[in-house]
Amino acid sequence: MVKRTATPIRFEAEVAERLASYAAANPGMSLSSAANRLVDEALRIGEHPGIVFRPGPTGRRAALAGGPDVWEVIRAVKSARACEADLAEDDLLALVAGNTGVPLRLIRTAVRYWASYPGEIDAEIDAAAAAEDAAEQAWQRERHLLAG
């Protein structure tokens, strides 16, 4: 469990109103948790230009501005590395860029973000793999039932 420290912050009235609206629009979110999320995301965006955060079925996740989610890029990089173990870094990234259509500079942005937050991105990859496996199994059961 992460130890929490109290940090008194005074917001300008307009910011406090927008924060309250944000928390209200996200059921179960307190003002404190909303402020914590937004500050954390802002710090990460400052650390990693080109990264944004998007909502989705698994919650908020890191993504490339104007591009795919970071986990999708990292999964492609890992897959390429597994298939082409001997490729040099530049060649590996060029292969991923060519296969995905994601510009090389954005792939490098995703790799840098992953290097800072590998657990978070690897968990997204694992969740996606589990969802894909579950969908495949459901499709197989459906096929089996309908095939007679």
C-alpha atoms as a PDB file:
ATOM      1  CA  MET A   1       0.000   0.000   0.000  1.00  0.00           C
ATOM      2  CA  VAL A   2       1.266   3.461  -0.868  1.00  0.00           C
ATOM      3  CA  LYS A   3       1.665   5.814   2.052  1.00  0.00           C
ATOM      4  CA  ARG A   4      -0.299   8.980   1.482  1.00  0.00           C
ATOM      5  CA  THR A   5       0.848  12.330   2.732  1.00  0.00           C
ATOM      6  CA  ALA A   6      -1.436  15.246   3.295  1.00  0.00           C
ATOM      7  CA  THR A   7      -0.524  18.155   1.068  1.00  0.00           C
ATOM      8  CA  PRO A   8      -2.673  21.213   1.528  1.00  0.00           C
ATOM      9  CA  ILE A   9      -3.294  22.937  -1.776  1.00  0.00           C
ATOM     10  CA  ARG A  10      -5.283  26.052  -2.514  1.00  0.00           C
ATOM     11  CA  PHE A  11      -6.899  26.193  -5.935  1.00  0.00           C
ATOM     12  CA  GLU A  12      -8.127  29.272  -7.695  1.00  0.00           C
ATOM     13  CA  ALA A  13     -11.931  29.340  -7.656  1.00  0.00           C
ATOM     14  CA  GLU A  14     -12.282  28.512 -11.358  1.00  0.00           C
ATOM     15  CA  VAL A  15      -9.862  25.587 -11.067  1.00  0.00           C
ATOM     16  CA  ALA A  16     -11.672  24.277  -7.973  1.00  0.00           C
ATOM     17  CA  GLU A  17     -14.995  24.430  -9.844  1.00  0.00           C
ATOM     18  CA  ARG A  18     -13.561  22.535 -12.826  1.00  0.00           C
ATOM     19  CA  LEU A  19     -12.028  19.967 -10.482  1.00  0.00           C
ATOM     20  CA  ALA A  20     -15.371  19.482  -8.739  1.00  0.00           C
ATOM     21  CA  SER A  21     -17.081  19.058 -12.112  1.00  0.00           C
ATOM     22  CA  TYR A  22     -14.457  16.525 -13.188  1.00  0.00           C
ATOM     23  CA  ALA A  23     -14.908  14.518  -9.976  1.00  0.00           C
ATOM     24  CA  ALA A  24     -18.690  14.642 -10.324  1.00  0.00           C
ATOM     25  CA  ALA A  25     -18.491  13.374 -13.909  1.00  0.00           C
ATOM     26  CA  ASN A  26     -16.485  10.343 -12.727  1.00  0.00           C
ATOM     27  CA  PRO A  27     -18.665   8.322 -10.335  1.00  0.00           C
ATOM     28  CA  GLY A  28     -16.893   7.208  -7.183  1.00  0.00           C
ATOM     29  CA  MET A  29     -14.110   9.746  -7.576  1.00  0.00           C
ATOM     30  CA  SER A  30     -13.425  12.151  -4.739  1.00  0.00           C
ATOM     31  CA  LEU A  31     -11.954  15.617  -5.152  1.00  0.00           C
ATOM     32  CA  SER A  32      -8.712  14.274  -3.696  1.00  0.00           C
ATOM     33  CA  SER A  33      -8.507  11.306  -6.062  1.00  0.00           C
ATOM     34  CA  ALA A  34      -9.398  13.535  -9.034  1.00  0.00           C
ATOM     35  CA  ALA A  35      -6.671  16.021  -8.100  1.00  0.00           C
ATOM     36  CA  ASN A  36      -4.186  13.170  -7.579  1.00  0.00           C
ATOM     37  CA  ARG A  37      -4.966  11.651 -10.988  1.00  0.00           C
ATOM     38  CA  LEU A  38      -4.757  14.932 -12.836  1.00  0.00           C
ATOM     39  CA  VAL A  39      -1.533  16.028 -11.152  1.00  0.00           C
ATOM     40  CA  ASP A  40       0.062  12.625 -11.790  1.00  0.00           C
ATOM     41  CA  GLU A  41      -0.958  12.710 -15.446  1.00  0.00           C
ATOM     42  CA  ALA A  42       0.251  16.279 -15.865  1.00  0.00           C
ATOM     43  CA  LEU A  43       3.637  15.372 -14.364  1.00  0.00           C
ATOM     44  CA  ARG A  44       3.940  12.352 -16.656  1.00  0.00           C
ATOM     45  CA  ILE A  45       2.990  14.449 -19.692  1.00  0.00           C
ATOM     46  CA  GLY A  46       5.669  16.954 -18.675  1.00  0.00           C
ATOM     47  CA  GLU A  47       8.233  14.157 -18.299  1.00  0.00           C
ATOM     48  CA  HIS A  48       7.252  12.533 -21.600  1.00  0.00           C
ATOM     49  CA  PRO A  49       6.210  15.046 -24.283  1.00  0.00           C
ATOM     50  CA  GLY A  50       3.919  13.393 -26.808  1.00  0.00           C
ATOM     51  CA  ILE A  51       2.097  11.297 -24.190  1.00  0.00           C
ATOM     52  CA  VAL A  52      -1.581  11.894 -23.420  1.00  0.00           C
ATOM     53  CA  PHE A  53      -4.086   9.986 -21.299  1.00  0.00           C
ATOM     54  CA  ARG A  54      -7.348   8.536 -22.615  1.00  0.00           C
ATOM     55  CA  PRO A  55     -10.285   6.881 -20.920  1.00  0.00           C
ATOM     56  CA  GLY A  56     -11.235   3.398 -21.998  1.00  0.00           C
ATOM     57  CA  PRO A  57     -12.775   0.123 -20.884  1.00  0.00           C
ATOM     58  CA  THR A  58      -9.771  -0.693 -18.663  1.00  0.00           C
ATOM     59  CA  GLY A  59      -9.574   2.836 -17.255  1.00  0.00           C
ATOM     60  CA  ARG A  60      -7.294   5.687 -18.200  1.00  0.00           C
ATOM     61  CA  ARG A  61      -4.223   4.732 -20.111  1.00  0.00           C
ATOM     62  CA  ALA A  62      -1.162   6.343 -21.647  1.00  0.00           C
ATOM     63  CA  ALA A  63      -1.333   6.963 -25.376  1.00  0.00           C
ATOM     64  CA  LEU A  64       0.608   8.755 -28.046  1.00  0.00           C
ATOM     65  CA  ALA A  65      -0.825  12.121 -29.033  1.00  0.00           C
ATOM     66  CA  GLY A  66      -2.434  11.477 -32.396  1.00  0.00           C
ATOM     67  CA  GLY A  67      -1.532   7.801 -32.241  1.00  0.00           C
ATOM     68  CA  PRO A  68      -2.221   4.465 -30.581  1.00  0.00           C
ATOM     69  CA  ASP A  69      -1.989   3.543 -26.914  1.00  0.00           C
ATOM     70  CA  VAL A  70       1.520   3.072 -25.560  1.00  0.00           C
ATOM     71  CA  TRP A  71       0.814  -0.576 -24.698  1.00  0.00           C
ATOM     72  CA  GLU A  72      -0.041  -1.305 -28.329  1.00  0.00           C
ATOM     73  CA  VAL A  73       3.289   0.073 -29.525  1.00  0.00           C
ATOM     74  CA  ILE A  74       5.251  -1.755 -26.837  1.00  0.00           C
ATOM     75  CA  ARG A  75       3.487  -5.016 -27.638  1.00  0.00           C
ATOM     76  CA  ALA A  76       4.519  -4.556 -31.278  1.00  0.00           C
ATOM     77  CA  VAL A  77       8.118  -3.821 -30.253  1.00  0.00           C
ATOM     78  CA  LYS A  78       8.230  -6.899 -28.004  1.00  0.00           C
ATOM     79  CA  SER A  79       6.718  -9.049 -30.743  1.00  0.00           C
ATOM     80  CA  ALA A  80       9.223  -7.776 -33.297  1.00  0.00           C
ATOM     81  CA  ARG A  81      12.097  -8.392 -30.867  1.00  0.00           C
ATOM     82  CA  ALA A  82      10.871 -11.958 -30.244  1.00  0.00           C
ATOM     83  CA  CYS A  83      10.772 -12.661 -33.993  1.00  0.00           C
ATOM     84  CA  GLU A  84      13.928 -10.761 -34.915  1.00  0.00           C
ATOM     85  CA  ALA A  85      16.231 -11.252 -31.938  1.00  0.00           C
ATOM     86  CA  ASP A  86      19.369 -10.184 -33.807  1.00  0.00           C
ATOM     87  CA  LEU A  87      18.147  -6.873 -35.214  1.00  0.00           C
ATOM     88  CA  ALA A  88      19.925  -3.723 -34.112  1.00  0.00           C
ATOM     89  CA  GLU A  89      17.844  -1.171 -32.222  1.00  0.00           C
ATOM     90  CA  ASP A  90      17.385   1.187 -35.184  1.00  0.00           C
ATOM     91  CA  ASP A  91      16.433  -1.674 -37.491  1.00  0.00           C
ATOM     92  CA  LEU A  92      13.988  -3.085 -34.940  1.00  0.00           C
ATOM     93  CA  LEU A  93      12.260   0.269 -34.485  1.00  0.00           C
ATOM     94  CA  ALA A  94      12.188   0.825 -38.260  1.00  0.00           C
ATOM     95  CA  LEU A  95      10.545  -2.600 -38.660  1.00  0.00           C
ATOM     96  CA  VAL A  96       7.865  -1.695 -36.109  1.00  0.00           C
ATOM     97  CA  ALA A  97       7.322   1.695 -37.746  1.00  0.00           C
ATOM     98  CA  GLY A  98       6.947   0.062 -41.148  1.00  0.00           C
ATOM     99  CA  ASN A  99       4.553  -2.605 -39.880  1.00  0.00           C
ATOM    100  CA  THR A 100       2.373  -0.304 -37.780  1.00  0.00           C
ATOM    101  CA  GLY A 101       2.477   2.961 -39.686  1.00  0.00           C
ATOM    102  CA  VAL A 102       3.424   4.717 -36.442  1.00  0.00           C
ATOM    103  CA  PRO A 103       6.222   7.259 -37.022  1.00  0.00           C
ATOM    104  CA  LEU A 104       9.598   6.324 -35.586  1.00  0.00           C
ATOM    105  CA  ARG A 105       9.699   9.365 -33.288  1.00  0.00           C
ATOM    106  CA  LEU A 106       6.393   8.258 -31.686  1.00  0.00           C
ATOM    107  CA  ILE A 107       7.647   4.710 -31.238  1.00  0.00           C
ATOM    108  CA  ARG A 108      10.667   6.116 -29.414  1.00  0.00           C
ATOM    109  CA  THR A 109       8.318   8.219 -27.246  1.00  0.00           C
ATOM    110  CA  ALA A 110       6.358   5.066 -26.331  1.00  0.00           C
ATOM    111  CA  VAL A 111       9.567   3.158 -25.531  1.00  0.00           C
ATOM    112  CA  ARG A 112      10.794   5.972 -23.262  1.00  0.00           C
ATOM    113  CA  TYR A 113       7.442   6.057 -21.452  1.00  0.00           C
ATOM    114  CA  TRP A 114       7.499   2.260 -21.025  1.00  0.00           C
ATOM    115  CA  ALA A 115      11.031   2.491 -19.601  1.00  0.00           C
ATOM    116  CA  SER A 116       9.689   4.802 -16.885  1.00  0.00           C
ATOM    117  CA  TYR A 117       6.474   2.856 -16.194  1.00  0.00           C
ATOM    118  CA  PRO A 118       7.050  -0.762 -17.326  1.00  0.00           C
ATOM    119  CA  GLY A 119       4.701  -2.356 -14.783  1.00  0.00           C
ATOM    120  CA  GLU A 120       1.795  -0.182 -15.870  1.00  0.00           C
ATOM    121  CA  ILE A 121       2.293  -0.827 -19.589  1.00  0.00           C
ATOM    122  CA  ASP A 122       3.028  -4.542 -19.164  1.00  0.00           C
ATOM    123  CA  ALA A 123      -0.202  -4.877 -17.144  1.00  0.00           C
ATOM    124  CA  GLU A 124      -2.127  -3.287 -20.046  1.00  0.00           C
ATOM    125  CA  ILE A 125      -0.506  -5.755 -22.464  1.00  0.00           C
ATOM    126  CA  ASP A 126      -1.426  -8.664 -20.180  1.00  0.00           C
ATOM    127  CA  ALA A 127      -5.013  -7.414 -19.842  1.00  0.00           C
ATOM    128  CA  ALA A 128      -5.342  -7.101 -23.616  1.00  0.00           C
ATOM    129  CA  ALA A 129      -3.979 -10.617 -24.115  1.00  0.00           C
ATOM    130  CA  ALA A 130      -6.428 -11.999 -21.547  1.00  0.00           C
ATOM    131  CA  ALA A 131      -9.344 -10.195 -23.218  1.00  0.00           C
ATOM    132  CA  GLU A 132      -8.276 -11.512 -26.625  1.00  0.00           C
ATOM    133  CA  ASP A 133      -8.014 -15.056 -25.259  1.00  0.00           C
ATOM    134  CA  ALA A 134     -11.455 -14.806 -23.651  1.00  0.00           C
ATOM    135  CA  ALA A 135     -12.982 -13.503 -26.890  1.00  0.00           C
ATOM    136  CA  GLU A 136     -11.336 -16.320 -28.871  1.00  0.00           C
ATOM    137  CA  GLN A 137     -12.630 -18.948 -26.431  1.00  0.00           C
ATOM    138  CA  ALA A 138     -16.150 -17.489 -26.573  1.00  0.00           C
ATOM    139  CA  TRP A 139     -16.016 -17.500 -30.374  1.00  0.00           C
ATOM    140  CA  GLN A 140     -14.849 -21.134 -30.360  1.00  0.00           C
ATOM    141  CA  ARG A 141     -17.721 -22.139 -28.030  1.00  0.00           C
ATOM    142  CA  GLU A 142     -20.186 -20.323 -30.271  1.00  0.00           C
ATOM    143  CA  ARG A 143     -18.786 -22.065 -33.366  1.00  0.00           C
ATOM    144  CA  HIS A 144     -18.948 -25.430 -31.603  1.00  0.00           C
ATOM    145  CA  LEU A 145     -22.568 -24.893 -30.547  1.00  0.00           C
ATOM    146  CA  LEU A 146     -23.721 -23.708 -33.963  1.00  0.00           C
ATOM    147  CA  ALA A 147     -21.811 -26.402 -35.860  1.00  0.00           C
ATOM    148  CA  GLY A 148     -23.896 -29.036 -34.127  1.00  0.00           C
END
